[in-house]
Structures are given as C-alpha cells and as structure tokens.
Amino acid sequence: MTYSVVIIEDEVAVAQLLAQYLVTPATPSSARQGQYRVVTSSDNVSTATVLLSAIQADLILLDIYLPDGNGLEFLKMLREQGCKSEVMLITAAKEVATLEKAIRLGVCDFLVKPLILERLDLALARFEARQQCLDGANEVTQSMVDTLFGSEQASVQSTARLPKGVDPLTLEKIRTAFQSQPKQVFTATQMGELVGVSRSTARRYLEFLVSIEEVKADQSYGSIGRPERSYYLN
C-alpha cells in the first residue's frame, strides 16, 4: 500500500530531508521502500489551505511556526472542515500547552526539532501499524484497539528491567514491525533490514521477545539447507 503525504514546513532543508527520507529510506532493502508518495508541500498556511481543499492525504507532516500563521490553528480549521488525515507535528515548539492542544486536535505524533531520524522512523512505523490494522478489518478486537490507541501494558512490564544490550527504542521498533504485519514470519536478517540493525542485533532482540513470550520461534531451512530461526507473534 502507498500512503500519500503532504508536508507543511517553512524550513527548506527540513522539508527536503523529510521528503527524501520518506521516498528513499536509509536502508535500501527496507520494507518502507516505495510506501510513501509526497503529493505536495507548502511553506505557509495560505498555500496549504488551497492545496488541502483539493487533496485528502493519508498523512500530513505539519510545522507549528509558519510565516503567515500557526500550524495548530490551521489544524483546528482542517478538523472543523472534516479533514481525517493523520497529522504528525514536527516543530521546535516545546511548551506543554502546545502539546496539550495538539493532543486535543488528534495529532498522532509530536516530533521535536532538531529532528531525530530514528524517532521519525518509529513514528512512521506506528502510523503504518494503525493504517494496516484498520485496512480490511471486519470487527473490533482488543489487539486492534491496543494498536490504535497505543496501549502497551505488556511493553511497559517487559521494559521495566531490560537486559543489557536491549535498547527500549529499538525494541519498540521491532514490536511495531510485528504489529504492522501480524501474520508475517520474520528471520533475524529480514527484521534487521526492516528496522535498520544488523542480523545479530535483531536476533538478540527477537530472542528477548521469545523469552518473555511475546513472540514464538521455529526452525526453518533455507535453499541451501542451513537452518535459520523464524519468528512470529505469539
């Protein structure tokens, strides 16, 4: 599936970085390759208003401080007009009141500048998980609700005391990869390519998830007969 994106950002370098990263992931073999299409971009509210009156994007990347207006006020107007796009704020704003207002307006993520690409990657993975969760669903399940609303009770319990060498951010990216493709079976190599880590690192995280019974593992055999572990959701 390809997701349409609109970027509203007045810093040219940031807008170009976002567009390039969406279209060309850091890892060439990433499953994200070809998943995003940047439909258009704008560096001001006036132009963005015209563009979004004609475009219903899947995802909007929105700055708050724009030369002719405030991004949150612009988003409020979009919501009043019935805009259903998911919106990620990418901004230098750090006031708690700004975050509170963003939450009330249904922002799906809030990324603080200077932009950390690993954090953007995680935000995109969560976006994909939500989109794929709803795509073709016939009825509501608890796992669907947990994915959509970010309920991570199991994650909180298992990350309270992580073993040495297991980083919470990388662990969350691997969890999100499973959630976004719940029926997919991964090898350590495939998972490593997907989240941008080495095979040995991916295997360490996967085995940790096996140890806490979030993931199951089976032995599979490649074309040359060498056994390799494969992992899937429990």
Protein backbone atom coordinates (compact mmCIF):
# COMPACT_ATOMS: atom_id res chain seq x y z
CA MET A 1 0.00 0.00 0.00
CA THR A 2 1.20 3.52 -0.83
CA TYR A 3 0.46 6.39 1.55
CA SER A 4 0.02 9.94 0.28
CA VAL A 5 1.81 12.65 2.25
CA VAL A 6 1.62 16.45 2.39
CA ILE A 7 4.50 18.35 4.01
CA ILE A 8 3.83 21.79 5.51
CA GLU A 9 7.17 23.15 6.67
CA ASP A 10 8.82 26.55 6.13
CA GLU A 11 12.42 25.40 6.65
CA VAL A 12 13.53 24.29 3.19
CA ALA A 13 16.26 21.97 4.49
CA VAL A 14 13.85 20.20 6.84
CA ALA A 15 11.16 19.84 4.16
CA GLN A 16 13.69 18.36 1.73
CA LEU A 17 15.01 15.97 4.37
CA LEU A 18 11.50 14.75 5.16
CA ALA A 19 10.61 14.25 1.50
CA GLN A 20 13.83 12.42 0.74
CA TYR A 21 13.61 10.19 3.81
CA LEU A 22 10.03 9.20 3.03
CA VAL A 23 10.74 8.34 -0.59
CA THR A 24 14.21 6.86 -0.08
CA PRO A 25 14.62 5.09 3.30
CA ALA A 26 18.07 4.87 4.88
CA THR A 27 18.10 1.11 4.31
CA PRO A 28 17.60 0.36 0.57
CA SER A 29 16.04 -3.05 1.29
CA SER A 30 13.63 -1.59 3.86
CA ALA A 31 10.03 -2.71 3.63
CA ARG A 32 9.20 1.01 3.60
CA GLN A 33 10.72 1.39 0.12
CA GLY A 34 8.01 2.79 -2.15
CA GLN A 35 5.38 3.04 0.60
CA TYR A 36 5.17 6.83 0.65
CA ARG A 37 4.34 9.35 -2.05
CA VAL A 38 4.87 13.03 -1.28
CA VAL A 39 1.95 14.61 -3.13
CA THR A 40 2.86 18.22 -2.47
CA SER A 41 4.45 20.56 0.05
CA SER A 42 3.98 24.12 1.26
CA ASP A 43 5.91 26.59 3.39
CA ASN A 44 2.91 28.65 4.50
CA VAL A 45 -0.68 28.38 5.71
CA SER A 46 -2.27 30.21 2.76
CA THR A 47 -0.93 27.82 0.13
CA ALA A 48 -1.51 24.78 2.33
CA THR A 49 -5.17 25.77 2.75
CA VAL A 50 -5.69 25.80 -1.02
CA LEU A 51 -3.80 22.53 -1.51
CA LEU A 52 -5.66 20.62 1.19
CA SER A 53 -9.04 21.82 -0.07
CA ALA A 54 -8.35 19.61 -3.10
CA ILE A 55 -6.26 16.81 -1.56
CA GLN A 56 -7.18 14.23 1.08
CA ALA A 57 -3.78 12.96 2.19
CA ASP A 58 -3.22 9.91 4.36
CA LEU A 59 -0.59 11.76 6.38
CA ILE A 60 0.24 15.43 6.97
CA LEU A 61 3.62 16.46 8.38
CA LEU A 62 2.97 19.86 9.92
CA ASP A 63 5.16 22.56 11.46
CA ILE A 64 3.64 24.92 14.04
CA TYR A 65 5.57 28.11 13.42
CA LEU A 66 4.73 29.18 9.87
CA PRO A 67 5.34 32.65 8.39
CA ASP A 68 1.66 33.52 7.98
CA GLY A 69 0.01 31.60 10.79
CA ASN A 70 0.07 28.95 13.47
CA GLY A 71 0.03 25.29 12.50
CA LEU A 72 -2.27 24.29 15.35
CA GLU A 73 -4.85 26.91 14.39
CA PHE A 74 -4.59 25.66 10.82
CA LEU A 75 -5.12 22.09 12.01
CA LYS A 76 -8.16 23.17 14.05
CA MET A 77 -9.65 24.64 10.88
CA LEU A 78 -8.92 21.42 8.96
CA ARG A 79 -10.65 19.32 11.62
CA GLU A 80 -13.69 21.61 11.56
CA GLN A 81 -13.83 21.09 7.80
CA GLY A 82 -13.84 17.32 8.27
CA CYS A 83 -10.21 16.52 7.45
CA LYS A 84 -9.48 12.93 8.52
CA SER A 85 -5.78 12.82 7.65
CA GLU A 86 -3.39 11.65 10.33
CA VAL A 87 -1.16 14.53 11.39
CA MET A 88 2.36 14.48 12.80
CA LEU A 89 3.71 17.73 14.22
CA ILE A 90 7.38 18.40 13.52
CA THR A 91 8.29 21.53 15.39
CA ALA A 92 10.63 23.46 17.64
CA ALA A 93 7.74 24.27 19.99
CA LYS A 94 8.37 22.81 23.44
CA GLU A 95 5.61 24.34 25.56
CA VAL A 96 3.46 21.82 27.43
CA ALA A 97 0.34 23.80 26.50
CA THR A 98 1.19 23.29 22.83
CA LEU A 99 1.42 19.53 23.32
CA GLU A 100 -1.89 19.50 25.20
CA LYS A 101 -3.63 21.37 22.38
CA ALA A 102 -2.06 19.06 19.79
CA ILE A 103 -3.46 16.03 21.62
CA ARG A 104 -6.94 17.56 21.73
CA LEU A 105 -6.77 18.13 17.97
CA GLY A 106 -6.00 14.45 17.36
CA VAL A 107 -2.32 14.70 16.42
CA CYS A 108 -0.91 11.19 16.09
CA ASP A 109 2.69 12.10 16.97
CA PHE A 110 4.79 15.07 18.09
CA LEU A 111 8.41 15.25 16.91
CA VAL A 112 10.63 17.93 18.43
CA LYS A 113 13.32 19.65 16.36
CA PRO A 114 16.15 19.08 15.77
CA LEU A 115 14.67 16.05 14.08
CA ILE A 116 15.98 12.62 15.05
CA LEU A 117 15.52 10.25 12.10
CA GLU A 118 15.25 7.16 14.30
CA ARG A 119 12.33 8.80 16.09
CA LEU A 120 10.71 9.71 12.77
CA ASP A 121 11.17 6.11 11.67
CA LEU A 122 9.35 4.92 14.78
CA ALA A 123 6.53 7.41 14.21
CA LEU A 124 6.11 6.15 10.63
CA ALA A 125 6.10 2.54 11.80
CA ARG A 126 3.31 3.34 14.25
CA PHE A 127 1.38 5.15 11.52
CA GLU A 128 1.71 2.12 9.23
CA ALA A 129 0.59 -0.22 12.02
CA ARG A 130 -2.58 1.82 12.56
CA GLN A 131 -3.33 2.01 8.83
CA GLN A 132 -2.82 -1.72 8.28
CA CYS A 133 -4.77 -2.54 11.42
CA LEU A 134 -7.91 -0.90 10.05
CA ASP A 135 -7.44 -1.96 6.43
CA GLY A 136 -9.96 -4.69 5.67
CA ALA A 137 -10.93 -5.22 9.33
CA ASN A 138 -14.43 -6.63 9.84
CA GLU A 139 -14.75 -6.31 13.59
CA VAL A 140 -13.02 -4.75 16.58
CA THR A 141 -10.53 -6.86 18.53
CA GLN A 142 -8.54 -5.94 21.63
CA SER A 143 -5.25 -6.18 19.73
CA MET A 144 -6.65 -3.72 17.17
CA VAL A 145 -7.66 -1.29 19.91
CA ASP A 146 -4.24 -1.61 21.57
CA THR A 147 -2.52 -0.83 18.28
CA LEU A 148 -4.73 2.16 17.52
CA PHE A 149 -4.61 3.69 20.98
CA GLY A 150 -1.03 2.77 21.84
CA SER A 151 -1.92 0.55 24.77
CA GLU A 152 1.38 -1.04 25.72
CA GLN A 153 0.84 -2.69 29.11
CA ALA A 154 2.96 -5.66 28.11
CA SER A 155 5.63 -3.35 26.74
CA VAL A 156 5.77 -1.36 29.97
CA GLN A 157 6.06 -4.51 32.06
CA SER A 158 8.79 -6.06 29.93
CA THR A 159 10.85 -2.88 29.50
CA ALA A 160 10.93 -2.06 33.21
CA ARG A 161 14.05 -4.19 33.62
CA LEU A 162 15.58 -4.74 30.21
CA PRO A 163 18.66 -6.95 29.98
CA LYS A 164 21.98 -5.44 29.00
CA GLY A 165 22.23 -4.77 25.26
CA VAL A 166 18.48 -4.31 24.74
CA ASP A 167 17.56 -0.70 23.99
CA PRO A 168 13.91 0.40 24.53
CA LEU A 169 13.70 2.35 21.25
CA THR A 170 14.98 -0.50 19.08
CA LEU A 171 12.77 -2.94 20.95
CA GLU A 172 9.74 -0.74 20.27
CA LYS A 173 10.61 -0.59 16.55
CA ILE A 174 10.71 -4.40 16.39
CA ARG A 175 7.43 -4.68 18.28
CA THR A 176 5.86 -2.20 15.88
CA ALA A 177 7.13 -4.19 12.89
CA PHE A 178 5.28 -7.26 14.19
CA GLN A 179 2.14 -5.23 14.93
CA SER A 180 2.10 -3.71 11.45
CA GLN A 181 2.34 -7.18 9.84
CA PRO A 182 0.76 -9.52 12.42
CA LYS A 183 0.71 -12.57 10.14
CA GLN A 184 4.25 -12.14 8.84
CA VAL A 185 7.05 -14.54 9.78
CA PHE A 186 10.47 -12.86 10.04
CA THR A 187 14.01 -14.13 10.11
CA ALA A 188 16.62 -12.13 12.03
CA THR A 189 18.04 -10.97 8.69
CA GLN A 190 14.67 -9.69 7.49
CA MET A 191 13.92 -7.94 10.75
CA GLY A 192 17.36 -6.36 10.81
CA GLU A 193 16.87 -4.93 7.32
CA LEU A 194 13.41 -3.66 8.25
CA VAL A 195 14.44 -1.72 11.36
CA GLY A 196 17.99 -0.86 10.28
CA VAL A 197 20.14 -3.02 12.56
CA SER A 198 22.50 -5.96 11.98
CA ARG A 199 21.30 -9.56 11.85
CA SER A 200 22.99 -10.38 15.16
CA THR A 201 21.42 -7.37 16.86
CA ALA A 202 17.96 -8.22 15.51
CA ARG A 203 18.38 -11.81 16.71
CA ARG A 204 19.23 -10.61 20.23
CA TYR A 205 16.02 -8.59 20.41
CA LEU A 206 13.93 -11.35 18.86
CA GLU A 207 15.22 -13.90 21.34
CA PHE A 208 14.39 -11.50 24.16
CA LEU A 209 10.80 -11.28 22.88
CA VAL A 210 10.71 -15.07 22.74
CA SER A 211 11.92 -15.25 26.36
CA ILE A 212 9.03 -13.05 27.55
CA GLU A 213 6.57 -15.00 25.36
CA GLU A 214 5.55 -12.11 23.09
CA VAL A 215 6.97 -13.92 20.05
CA LYS A 216 7.33 -17.57 19.05
CA ALA A 217 10.21 -19.08 17.09
CA ASP A 218 10.52 -22.03 14.72
CA GLN A 219 13.46 -23.55 12.91
CA SER A 220 13.32 -23.15 9.14
CA TYR A 221 15.66 -24.27 6.36
CA GLY A 222 16.89 -22.10 3.51
CA SER A 223 17.54 -23.14 -0.06
CA ILE A 224 20.98 -24.46 0.83
CA GLY A 225 19.71 -26.39 3.82
CA ARG A 226 21.17 -24.20 6.57
CA PRO A 227 18.71 -23.89 9.46
CA GLU A 228 17.57 -20.42 10.49
CA ARG A 229 15.21 -19.30 13.20
CA SER A 230 11.97 -17.66 12.12
CA TYR A 231 9.86 -15.51 14.42
CA TYR A 232 6.16 -14.62 14.56
CA LEU A 233 3.68 -13.13 17.01
CA ASN A 234 2.54 -15.37 19.85
